[in-house]
Amino acid sequence: MTLEHHRVVITAAGRDFGRTLALRFAARGAEVHLSARTLEGAERVREEILAQGHAADRVHAHACDLTDPASVREFAAAVAARTDRIDVLVNNGSRYQHGTDLLSASDADVVDTLSSGATGTVLVTKALLPLLLNSDKPDIVTMVSSCGDTGNHRSDAHDAFYAAKSAQAGFTEILSRRLRDRGVRVISLYPPDFDNHDPLSPQWESAPRTAKDPLTAQSLVDCIFFAIGQPRDCFIKSFRFEQV
């Protein structure tokens, strides 16, 4: 599947799985808008994409602090200044907080975790929805987590992270129902911990992907490409994964 006619926005694209998404969407030919908490973080990934031969006018770097509503508005305005539509919004941004003891995180950590994962996801989606509605193939993809599944307790993530992911799950569930009549597909992924191999390393092609191996970023990316590649009558709401 080639994506040269897709315009894609990816939040938290400056590192980890966000960087993986940015590199893989660009490799498929998409025009990509990358956000990170700092402009420098987004610019670093932009330079990596340009080094792979992508056209400079099809890779855009933005700063966006998901915990700051003003920053989200500025980010959306900057995207709108460059394009009249978005075809895919990938809500990848969400701060991870480790710790099985509620008391192990400071109040500031709790607020930041909830603000980035829950409030940030809602605000970014709200701010960019007008551009999505201008597309004839709009998709909203949200990286939730198995922590957003009801009854999940296997992660060592902090309670605040569980709360943020549960909020994302509730938001995408109602959004899917309310946007369907407007042609917007809302796709959520609920992965457990997974191996995120560098897309620019040999491990990207050689990583083992058998039934006995942990879930890989490669498979998550494949799921996303599969979902957005379906005909417009096919609404895949979620991907949920077995844990090993």
C-alpha atoms as a PDB file:
ATOM      1  CA  MET A   1       0.000   0.000   0.000  1.00  0.00           C
ATOM      2  CA  THR A   2       1.427   3.357  -1.019  1.00  0.00           C
ATOM      3  CA  LEU A   3       0.423   6.525   0.794  1.00  0.00           C
ATOM      4  CA  GLU A   4       1.642   9.278  -1.502  1.00  0.00           C
ATOM      5  CA  HIS A   5      -1.812  10.869  -1.507  1.00  0.00           C
ATOM      6  CA  HIS A   6      -2.132  10.815   2.302  1.00  0.00           C
ATOM      7  CA  ARG A   7      -1.407  13.713   4.607  1.00  0.00           C
ATOM      8  CA  VAL A   8      -0.643  12.384   8.074  1.00  0.00           C
ATOM      9  CA  VAL A   9      -0.244  14.029  11.490  1.00  0.00           C
ATOM     10  CA  ILE A  10       1.640  12.113  14.210  1.00  0.00           C
ATOM     11  CA  THR A  11       1.895  13.352  17.781  1.00  0.00           C
ATOM     12  CA  ALA A  12       4.903  12.597  19.984  1.00  0.00           C
ATOM     13  CA  ALA A  13       6.887  11.744  16.870  1.00  0.00           C
ATOM     14  CA  GLY A  14      10.254  12.783  18.273  1.00  0.00           C
ATOM     15  CA  ARG A  15      11.249   9.430  19.765  1.00  0.00           C
ATOM     16  CA  ASP A  16      10.319   5.825  20.465  1.00  0.00           C
ATOM     17  CA  PHE A  17       7.238   4.505  18.664  1.00  0.00           C
ATOM     18  CA  GLY A  18       6.290   7.969  17.407  1.00  0.00           C
ATOM     19  CA  ARG A  19       9.576   8.134  15.533  1.00  0.00           C
ATOM     20  CA  THR A  20       8.919   4.638  14.182  1.00  0.00           C
ATOM     21  CA  LEU A  21       5.521   5.729  12.887  1.00  0.00           C
ATOM     22  CA  ALA A  22       6.991   8.841  11.295  1.00  0.00           C
ATOM     23  CA  LEU A  23       9.700   6.908   9.477  1.00  0.00           C
ATOM     24  CA  ARG A  24       7.323   4.186   8.269  1.00  0.00           C
ATOM     25  CA  PHE A  25       4.590   6.536   7.046  1.00  0.00           C
ATOM     26  CA  ALA A  26       7.191   8.563   5.199  1.00  0.00           C
ATOM     27  CA  ALA A  27       8.675   5.393   3.709  1.00  0.00           C
ATOM     28  CA  ARG A  28       5.229   4.638   2.249  1.00  0.00           C
ATOM     29  CA  GLY A  29       5.253   8.058   0.569  1.00  0.00           C
ATOM     30  CA  ALA A  30       2.954  10.005   2.903  1.00  0.00           C
ATOM     31  CA  GLU A  31       3.291  13.699   3.577  1.00  0.00           C
ATOM     32  CA  VAL A  32       3.890  13.844   7.317  1.00  0.00           C
ATOM     33  CA  HIS A  33       3.417  16.469  10.012  1.00  0.00           C
ATOM     34  CA  LEU A  34       5.452  15.533  13.089  1.00  0.00           C
ATOM     35  CA  SER A  35       4.946  16.994  16.525  1.00  0.00           C
ATOM     36  CA  ALA A  36       7.058  16.681  19.645  1.00  0.00           C
ATOM     37  CA  ARG A  37       7.097  18.514  22.949  1.00  0.00           C
ATOM     38  CA  THR A  38      10.080  20.473  21.643  1.00  0.00           C
ATOM     39  CA  LEU A  39      10.621  21.590  18.068  1.00  0.00           C
ATOM     40  CA  GLU A  40      14.162  20.185  18.236  1.00  0.00           C
ATOM     41  CA  GLY A  41      12.793  16.682  18.826  1.00  0.00           C
ATOM     42  CA  ALA A  42      10.538  16.861  15.786  1.00  0.00           C
ATOM     43  CA  GLU A  43      13.299  18.396  13.672  1.00  0.00           C
ATOM     44  CA  ARG A  44      15.671  15.515  14.453  1.00  0.00           C
ATOM     45  CA  VAL A  45      13.216  12.994  13.048  1.00  0.00           C
ATOM     46  CA  ARG A  46      12.506  15.243  10.087  1.00  0.00           C
ATOM     47  CA  GLU A  47      16.209  15.231   9.256  1.00  0.00           C
ATOM     48  CA  GLU A  48      16.269  11.430   9.477  1.00  0.00           C
ATOM     49  CA  ILE A  49      13.375  11.222   7.029  1.00  0.00           C
ATOM     50  CA  LEU A  50      14.993  13.681   4.637  1.00  0.00           C
ATOM     51  CA  ALA A  51      18.180  11.590   4.738  1.00  0.00           C
ATOM     52  CA  GLN A  52      16.109   8.693   3.380  1.00  0.00           C
ATOM     53  CA  GLY A  53      15.297  10.752   0.277  1.00  0.00           C
ATOM     54  CA  HIS A  54      11.887  12.166   1.211  1.00  0.00           C
ATOM     55  CA  ALA A  55      11.042  15.549  -0.357  1.00  0.00           C
ATOM     56  CA  ALA A  56      11.610  18.469   2.001  1.00  0.00           C
ATOM     57  CA  ASP A  57       8.191  19.988   1.282  1.00  0.00           C
ATOM     58  CA  ARG A  58       6.474  16.782   2.445  1.00  0.00           C
ATOM     59  CA  VAL A  59       7.983  16.567   5.941  1.00  0.00           C
ATOM     60  CA  HIS A  60       6.989  19.181   8.521  1.00  0.00           C
ATOM     61  CA  ALA A  61       8.177  19.542  12.113  1.00  0.00           C
ATOM     62  CA  HIS A  62       6.104  21.192  14.837  1.00  0.00           C
ATOM     63  CA  ALA A  63       6.280  21.772  18.566  1.00  0.00           C
ATOM     64  CA  CYS A  64       3.269  20.641  20.563  1.00  0.00           C
ATOM     65  CA  ASP A  65       3.069  20.246  24.324  1.00  0.00           C
ATOM     66  CA  LEU A  66      -0.003  18.061  24.796  1.00  0.00           C
ATOM     67  CA  THR A  67      -0.399  19.283  28.377  1.00  0.00           C
ATOM     68  CA  ASP A  68      -0.794  22.910  27.233  1.00  0.00           C
ATOM     69  CA  PRO A  69      -4.040  23.871  25.432  1.00  0.00           C
ATOM     70  CA  ALA A  70      -2.417  26.971  23.914  1.00  0.00           C
ATOM     71  CA  SER A  71       0.392  24.857  22.470  1.00  0.00           C
ATOM     72  CA  VAL A  72      -2.151  22.461  20.965  1.00  0.00           C
ATOM     73  CA  ARG A  73      -4.008  25.356  19.335  1.00  0.00           C
ATOM     74  CA  GLU A  74      -0.764  26.768  17.932  1.00  0.00           C
ATOM     75  CA  PHE A  75       0.157  23.346  16.556  1.00  0.00           C
ATOM     76  CA  ALA A  76      -3.211  22.937  14.834  1.00  0.00           C
ATOM     77  CA  ALA A  77      -2.940  26.423  13.357  1.00  0.00           C
ATOM     78  CA  ALA A  78       0.542  25.665  12.035  1.00  0.00           C
ATOM     79  CA  VAL A  79      -0.717  22.489  10.351  1.00  0.00           C
ATOM     80  CA  ALA A  80      -3.693  24.358   8.874  1.00  0.00           C
ATOM     81  CA  ALA A  81      -1.331  26.985   7.480  1.00  0.00           C
ATOM     82  CA  ARG A  82       0.356  24.268   5.393  1.00  0.00           C
ATOM     83  CA  THR A  83      -2.568  22.094   4.311  1.00  0.00           C
ATOM     84  CA  ASP A  84      -6.324  22.274   3.824  1.00  0.00           C
ATOM     85  CA  ARG A  85      -6.907  18.675   4.915  1.00  0.00           C
ATOM     86  CA  ILE A  86      -5.616  15.804   7.024  1.00  0.00           C
ATOM     87  CA  ASP A  87      -6.245  12.207   6.011  1.00  0.00           C
ATOM     88  CA  VAL A  88      -4.819  10.437   9.073  1.00  0.00           C
ATOM     89  CA  LEU A  89      -4.343  11.700  12.613  1.00  0.00           C
ATOM     90  CA  VAL A  90      -2.251   9.385  14.784  1.00  0.00           C
ATOM     91  CA  ASN A  91      -2.724  10.135  18.472  1.00  0.00           C
ATOM     92  CA  ASN A  92       0.501   8.616  19.735  1.00  0.00           C
ATOM     93  CA  GLY A  93       1.385  11.102  22.458  1.00  0.00           C
ATOM     94  CA  SER A  94       1.008  10.024  26.082  1.00  0.00           C
ATOM     95  CA  ARG A  95       3.504  10.221  28.899  1.00  0.00           C
ATOM     96  CA  TYR A  96       4.339   6.872  30.507  1.00  0.00           C
ATOM     97  CA  GLN A  97       4.561   6.718  34.287  1.00  0.00           C
ATOM     98  CA  HIS A  98       6.023   3.628  35.947  1.00  0.00           C
ATOM     99  CA  GLY A  99       5.182   2.325  39.400  1.00  0.00           C
ATOM    100  CA  THR A 100       2.682  -0.018  41.026  1.00  0.00           C
ATOM    101  CA  ASP A 101       2.467   2.147  44.165  1.00  0.00           C
ATOM    102  CA  LEU A 102       0.063   5.089  43.875  1.00  0.00           C
ATOM    103  CA  LEU A 103       2.288   7.041  46.261  1.00  0.00           C
ATOM    104  CA  SER A 104       5.366   6.630  44.062  1.00  0.00           C
ATOM    105  CA  ALA A 105       4.425   9.489  41.706  1.00  0.00           C
ATOM    106  CA  SER A 106       4.369  13.158  42.606  1.00  0.00           C
ATOM    107  CA  ASP A 107       1.280  15.273  42.062  1.00  0.00           C
ATOM    108  CA  ALA A 108       3.050  16.915  39.121  1.00  0.00           C
ATOM    109  CA  ASP A 109       3.745  13.493  37.577  1.00  0.00           C
ATOM    110  CA  VAL A 110       0.082  12.525  37.915  1.00  0.00           C
ATOM    111  CA  VAL A 111      -1.149  15.758  36.343  1.00  0.00           C
ATOM    112  CA  ASP A 112       1.353  15.523  33.484  1.00  0.00           C
ATOM    113  CA  THR A 113       0.492  11.881  32.781  1.00  0.00           C
ATOM    114  CA  LEU A 114      -3.243  12.520  32.691  1.00  0.00           C
ATOM    115  CA  SER A 115      -2.918  15.787  30.795  1.00  0.00           C
ATOM    116  CA  SER A 116      -0.776  14.376  28.001  1.00  0.00           C
ATOM    117  CA  GLY A 117      -2.633  11.113  27.497  1.00  0.00           C
ATOM    118  CA  ALA A 118      -6.231  12.079  28.197  1.00  0.00           C
ATOM    119  CA  THR A 119      -6.689  15.830  27.813  1.00  0.00           C
ATOM    120  CA  GLY A 120      -4.049  16.084  25.094  1.00  0.00           C
ATOM    121  CA  THR A 121      -5.677  13.414  22.950  1.00  0.00           C
ATOM    122  CA  VAL A 122      -9.076  15.111  23.184  1.00  0.00           C
ATOM    123  CA  LEU A 123      -7.701  18.584  22.470  1.00  0.00           C
ATOM    124  CA  VAL A 124      -5.580  17.546  19.484  1.00  0.00           C
ATOM    125  CA  THR A 125      -8.456  15.615  17.948  1.00  0.00           C
ATOM    126  CA  LYS A 126     -10.841  18.538  18.499  1.00  0.00           C
ATOM    127  CA  ALA A 127      -8.393  21.061  17.059  1.00  0.00           C
ATOM    128  CA  LEU A 128      -7.646  19.011  13.937  1.00  0.00           C
ATOM    129  CA  LEU A 129     -11.143  17.658  13.301  1.00  0.00           C
ATOM    130  CA  PRO A 130     -12.041  20.429  10.808  1.00  0.00           C
ATOM    131  CA  LEU A 131      -9.066  19.415   8.642  1.00  0.00           C
ATOM    132  CA  LEU A 132     -10.027  15.750   8.912  1.00  0.00           C
ATOM    133  CA  LEU A 133     -13.562  16.561   7.784  1.00  0.00           C
ATOM    134  CA  ASN A 134     -12.095  18.152   4.643  1.00  0.00           C
ATOM    135  CA  SER A 135     -10.657  14.744   3.645  1.00  0.00           C
ATOM    136  CA  ASP A 136     -12.461  12.099   1.621  1.00  0.00           C
ATOM    137  CA  LYS A 137     -10.639   9.381   3.600  1.00  0.00           C
ATOM    138  CA  PRO A 138     -10.330  10.585   7.209  1.00  0.00           C
ATOM    139  CA  ASP A 139      -8.973   8.215   9.861  1.00  0.00           C
ATOM    140  CA  ILE A 140      -8.166   8.851  13.525  1.00  0.00           C
ATOM    141  CA  VAL A 141      -5.737   6.277  14.930  1.00  0.00           C
ATOM    142  CA  THR A 142      -5.105   6.261  18.675  1.00  0.00           C
ATOM    143  CA  MET A 143      -2.390   4.271  20.407  1.00  0.00           C
ATOM    144  CA  VAL A 144      -4.205   3.379  23.610  1.00  0.00           C
ATOM    145  CA  SER A 145      -2.605   0.441  25.476  1.00  0.00           C
ATOM    146  CA  SER A 146      -3.681  -2.788  27.080  1.00  0.00           C
ATOM    147  CA  CYS A 147      -3.862  -0.604  30.216  1.00  0.00           C
ATOM    148  CA  GLY A 148      -7.008   0.871  28.702  1.00  0.00           C
ATOM    149  CA  ASP A 149      -8.715  -2.528  28.621  1.00  0.00           C
ATOM    150  CA  THR A 150     -11.227  -3.078  31.409  1.00  0.00           C
ATOM    151  CA  GLY A 151      -9.822  -5.442  34.001  1.00  0.00           C
ATOM    152  CA  ASN A 152      -6.241  -5.344  32.778  1.00  0.00           C
ATOM    153  CA  HIS A 153      -3.781  -5.438  35.687  1.00  0.00           C
ATOM    154  CA  ARG A 154      -0.651  -7.002  34.260  1.00  0.00           C
ATOM    155  CA  SER A 155       1.318  -3.846  33.552  1.00  0.00           C
ATOM    156  CA  ASP A 156       3.705  -2.220  36.027  1.00  0.00           C
ATOM    157  CA  ALA A 157       2.480   1.188  34.868  1.00  0.00           C
ATOM    158  CA  HIS A 158       1.345   3.692  37.463  1.00  0.00           C
ATOM    159  CA  ASP A 159      -2.344   4.112  38.300  1.00  0.00           C
ATOM    160  CA  ALA A 160      -2.298   7.531  36.605  1.00  0.00           C
ATOM    161  CA  PHE A 161      -1.204   5.925  33.341  1.00  0.00           C
ATOM    162  CA  TYR A 162      -4.029   3.397  33.653  1.00  0.00           C
ATOM    163  CA  ALA A 163      -6.409   6.309  34.184  1.00  0.00           C
ATOM    164  CA  ALA A 164      -5.135   8.190  31.147  1.00  0.00           C
ATOM    165  CA  LYS A 165      -5.452   5.131  28.933  1.00  0.00           C
ATOM    166  CA  SER A 166      -8.942   4.351  30.205  1.00  0.00           C
ATOM    167  CA  ALA A 167      -9.900   7.928  29.338  1.00  0.00           C
ATOM    168  CA  GLN A 168      -8.532   7.488  25.821  1.00  0.00           C
ATOM    169  CA  ALA A 169     -10.523   4.270  25.449  1.00  0.00           C
ATOM    170  CA  GLY A 170     -13.763   5.959  26.492  1.00  0.00           C
ATOM    171  CA  PHE A 171     -13.108   8.934  24.240  1.00  0.00           C
ATOM    172  CA  THR A 172     -12.398   6.887  21.127  1.00  0.00           C
ATOM    173  CA  GLU A 173     -15.399   4.631  21.758  1.00  0.00           C
ATOM    174  CA  ILE A 174     -17.915   7.481  21.745  1.00  0.00           C
ATOM    175  CA  LEU A 175     -16.040   9.323  18.996  1.00  0.00           C
ATOM    176  CA  SER A 176     -16.323   6.303  16.720  1.00  0.00           C
ATOM    177  CA  ARG A 177     -20.096   6.247  17.108  1.00  0.00           C
ATOM    178  CA  ARG A 178     -20.561   9.993  16.686  1.00  0.00           C
ATOM    179  CA  LEU A 179     -18.267  10.479  13.685  1.00  0.00           C
ATOM    180  CA  ARG A 180     -19.299   7.460  11.632  1.00  0.00           C
ATOM    181  CA  ASP A 181     -22.090   9.322   9.838  1.00  0.00           C
ATOM    182  CA  ARG A 182     -19.513  11.928   8.819  1.00  0.00           C
ATOM    183  CA  GLY A 183     -17.265   9.289   7.295  1.00  0.00           C
ATOM    184  CA  VAL A 184     -14.509   9.456   9.903  1.00  0.00           C
ATOM    185  CA  ARG A 185     -13.122   6.104  11.037  1.00  0.00           C
ATOM    186  CA  VAL A 186     -11.806   5.930  14.607  1.00  0.00           C
ATOM    187  CA  ILE A 187      -9.280   3.123  15.071  1.00  0.00           C
ATOM    188  CA  SER A 188      -7.767   2.246  18.452  1.00  0.00           C
ATOM    189  CA  LEU A 189      -4.866  -0.073  19.248  1.00  0.00           C
ATOM    190  CA  TYR A 190      -4.501  -1.738  22.662  1.00  0.00           C
ATOM    191  CA  PRO A 191      -1.013  -3.291  22.655  1.00  0.00           C
ATOM    192  CA  PRO A 192       0.780  -4.722  25.686  1.00  0.00           C
ATOM    193  CA  ASP A 193       4.486  -3.979  26.041  1.00  0.00           C
ATOM    194  CA  PHE A 194       6.160  -4.499  22.674  1.00  0.00           C
ATOM    195  CA  ASP A 195       9.600  -4.475  21.062  1.00  0.00           C
ATOM    196  CA  ASN A 196      10.232  -1.250  19.183  1.00  0.00           C
ATOM    197  CA  HIS A 197      13.112  -1.948  16.806  1.00  0.00           C
ATOM    198  CA  ASP A 198      14.745   0.959  15.020  1.00  0.00           C
ATOM    199  CA  PRO A 199      13.227   1.145  11.503  1.00  0.00           C
ATOM    200  CA  LEU A 200      16.617   2.229  10.164  1.00  0.00           C
ATOM    201  CA  SER A 201      18.445  -0.767  11.647  1.00  0.00           C
ATOM    202  CA  PRO A 202      18.846  -4.324  10.314  1.00  0.00           C
ATOM    203  CA  GLN A 203      16.641  -5.558  13.171  1.00  0.00           C
ATOM    204  CA  TRP A 204      13.606  -4.024  11.502  1.00  0.00           C
ATOM    205  CA  GLU A 205      13.616  -6.721   8.823  1.00  0.00           C
ATOM    206  CA  SER A 206      15.225  -9.524  10.811  1.00  0.00           C
ATOM    207  CA  ALA A 207      13.365  -9.368  14.140  1.00  0.00           C
ATOM    208  CA  PRO A 208      11.711 -12.694  15.034  1.00  0.00           C
ATOM    209  CA  ARG A 209       7.917 -12.556  14.787  1.00  0.00           C
ATOM    210  CA  THR A 210       6.783 -16.038  15.751  1.00  0.00           C
ATOM    211  CA  ALA A 211       3.951 -16.999  18.089  1.00  0.00           C
ATOM    212  CA  LYS A 212       6.495 -17.314  20.930  1.00  0.00           C
ATOM    213  CA  ASP A 213       7.962 -13.841  20.479  1.00  0.00           C
ATOM    214  CA  PRO A 214       6.821 -10.536  22.004  1.00  0.00           C
ATOM    215  CA  LEU A 215       4.690  -8.243  19.903  1.00  0.00           C
ATOM    216  CA  THR A 216       6.761  -6.004  17.631  1.00  0.00           C
ATOM    217  CA  ALA A 217       6.389  -2.439  16.421  1.00  0.00           C
ATOM    218  CA  GLN A 218       6.469  -3.907  12.917  1.00  0.00           C
ATOM    219  CA  SER A 219       3.201  -5.716  13.576  1.00  0.00           C
ATOM    220  CA  LEU A 220       1.572  -2.639  15.089  1.00  0.00           C
ATOM    221  CA  VAL A 221       2.512  -0.569  12.060  1.00  0.00           C
ATOM    222  CA  ASP A 222       1.180  -3.324   9.801  1.00  0.00           C
ATOM    223  CA  CYS A 223      -2.139  -3.229  11.687  1.00  0.00           C
ATOM    224  CA  ILE A 224      -2.416   0.520  11.169  1.00  0.00           C
ATOM    225  CA  PHE A 225      -1.638   0.309   7.471  1.00  0.00           C
ATOM    226  CA  PHE A 226      -4.122  -2.552   7.102  1.00  0.00           C
ATOM    227  CA  ALA A 227      -6.911  -0.590   8.797  1.00  0.00           C
ATOM    228  CA  ILE A 228      -6.463   2.648   6.869  1.00  0.00           C
ATOM    229  CA  GLY A 229      -6.114   0.702   3.630  1.00  0.00           C
ATOM    230  CA  GLN A 230      -9.591  -0.819   3.819  1.00  0.00           C
ATOM    231  CA  PRO A 231     -12.524   0.382   1.697  1.00  0.00           C
ATOM    232  CA  ARG A 232     -14.498   3.153   3.336  1.00  0.00           C
ATOM    233  CA  ASP A 233     -17.366   0.859   4.305  1.00  0.00           C
ATOM    234  CA  CYS A 234     -14.983  -1.083   6.581  1.00  0.00           C
ATOM    235  CA  PHE A 235     -14.777   0.457  10.047  1.00  0.00           C
ATOM    236  CA  ILE A 236     -12.212  -1.405  12.159  1.00  0.00           C
ATOM    237  CA  LYS A 237     -12.720   0.015  15.634  1.00  0.00           C
ATOM    238  CA  SER A 238      -9.901  -1.641  17.535  1.00  0.00           C
ATOM    239  CA  PHE A 239      -6.995  -4.053  17.634  1.00  0.00           C
ATOM    240  CA  ARG A 240      -6.520  -5.999  20.852  1.00  0.00           C
ATOM    241  CA  PHE A 241      -3.591  -8.346  21.391  1.00  0.00           C
ATOM    242  CA  GLU A 242      -2.810 -11.450  23.406  1.00  0.00           C
ATOM    243  CA  GLN A 243      -0.082 -11.050  26.005  1.00  0.00           C
ATOM    244  CA  VAL A 244       2.751 -13.572  26.267  1.00  0.00           C
END
